[in-house]
Amino acid sequence: MFVSRRSFIAGAASLAAAPALGAVSSSGETDVAIIGAGAAGIAAARKVAAAGRRFALIEASDHVGGRCVTDTRTFGVPFDRGARWVRFPDSNPVARLSGRAAVEFVLGPFACGKGLDEISAMDFSRALERDADAYCRQGYGALLGKLAADLPVQFGITAQRLLSTRSSVEIETTRGRIVARAAIVTVSTGVLGAERIKFEPALPPRQRDAIAKLSLGTYEHVALELKGNPLQAQNDDLIFEKPSGPRTAALLANVSGTPLCIVEVAGKVARELQGEAAMADFATGWLAGLYGADIKKAVGKTAVTAWTRDPFTLGAFSAAAPGGQPGRRTLMEPVRERLFFAGEAVHETLWGTVNGAWESGERA
């Protein structure tokens, strides 16, 4: 199942953990207001709670994890609809905490969701090499749900306006107003760039420019049920083709030894495909081109993601435009000493990763 509001609350109760520190309602006063309960928001809240500070953690959607969503309903096995790879498992702060969450990691083998002419060469070169990866057998979203289980997340609350004063930050939400000494904003640069949250006074030009140049790429999963291993692939095989043109994809076969195969579609191709049916047709057609037309007959259930159309993300993960790489450091700077940004876009070398988002949340 998704780590939804209902299952999250039930899971949190079953853990019988120590009471969350300093929780406040969605309309009140607190030390720190944290907007967004993805990896960065969870990390920030845990840090604030450990310091004994009061905080409010609000989330616009009905689940924790942000772009880490594990679906076990569709196929009966964990399907990570968003982030999957656990980068650098030996040093990843999320992986280090996994022992307490009773989840299993397994070693495993499109980089940015945009075309090469749309990205910063400096940003790409500064990214740490990502060839040491693992994955969570129970799902990345499930892991983050466990790590957030003792946090008082308030779901279905959207921040609409942030007013910074000399002494506080006032956050107007769909369920009231929060007054905090400081605010940590962890929503995606897609949401920030679309101005879904209004800032008063307006953000400084440097921050606005950074957000504009760190827009999100397009990266979608087309999950296909292929029983009987008709591809004759190994478990968790990552398969690429040598394409003759831009309409290509990648394949993750037999996920965790199950019939689940995921076709990864990114960049312009993913943006041009409109709707679940078009995405599924492209994926099965692409597979047929590699393995023969009969492969289409083997396809059972299908599921398609649509991160670019998700109103709470508006894209997959950040990719700096040419000249935009310095914007990551710009977003690390506090605004008027009370407003802080965090998330995968706010990391110079681990952008586009969950551990990068987590580290930025702890730093903020």
Foldseek 3Di string as FASTA:
>chain_A
DKQFLVVLQVVLVVVPDDAQAQEDDQAEEFAEEEEAQALLSLLLSVLCSVVRGHYAAEHQAGHHHQQFIWDCPQPVFTDGFFDWKDFPLVPQPLNVPCVVVPWDKAWAAPPAQADPQFFAPLLVVQADDGGGIIGTRRGPSSSSSSSNSNPPYHYNKAFAEWEDDLQWIWTQIPVYIYTHRFYEYEFALQLVLVCSYYYVVHFPPLLNVLSVQFHAHAKKKKKWQFPPPLVPDDQQDKAFDPDPDDLGWIKGQCHVVHSIIITMDGHPNRVPQDDDVSVNVSVLVRVCVVRNNCSVVRTDGIDMDDQCPDNRHNHRWTGGGHVNLCSLCVQQDATSVRYHYAYLSNARHRRNDSSRRSVRSNSD
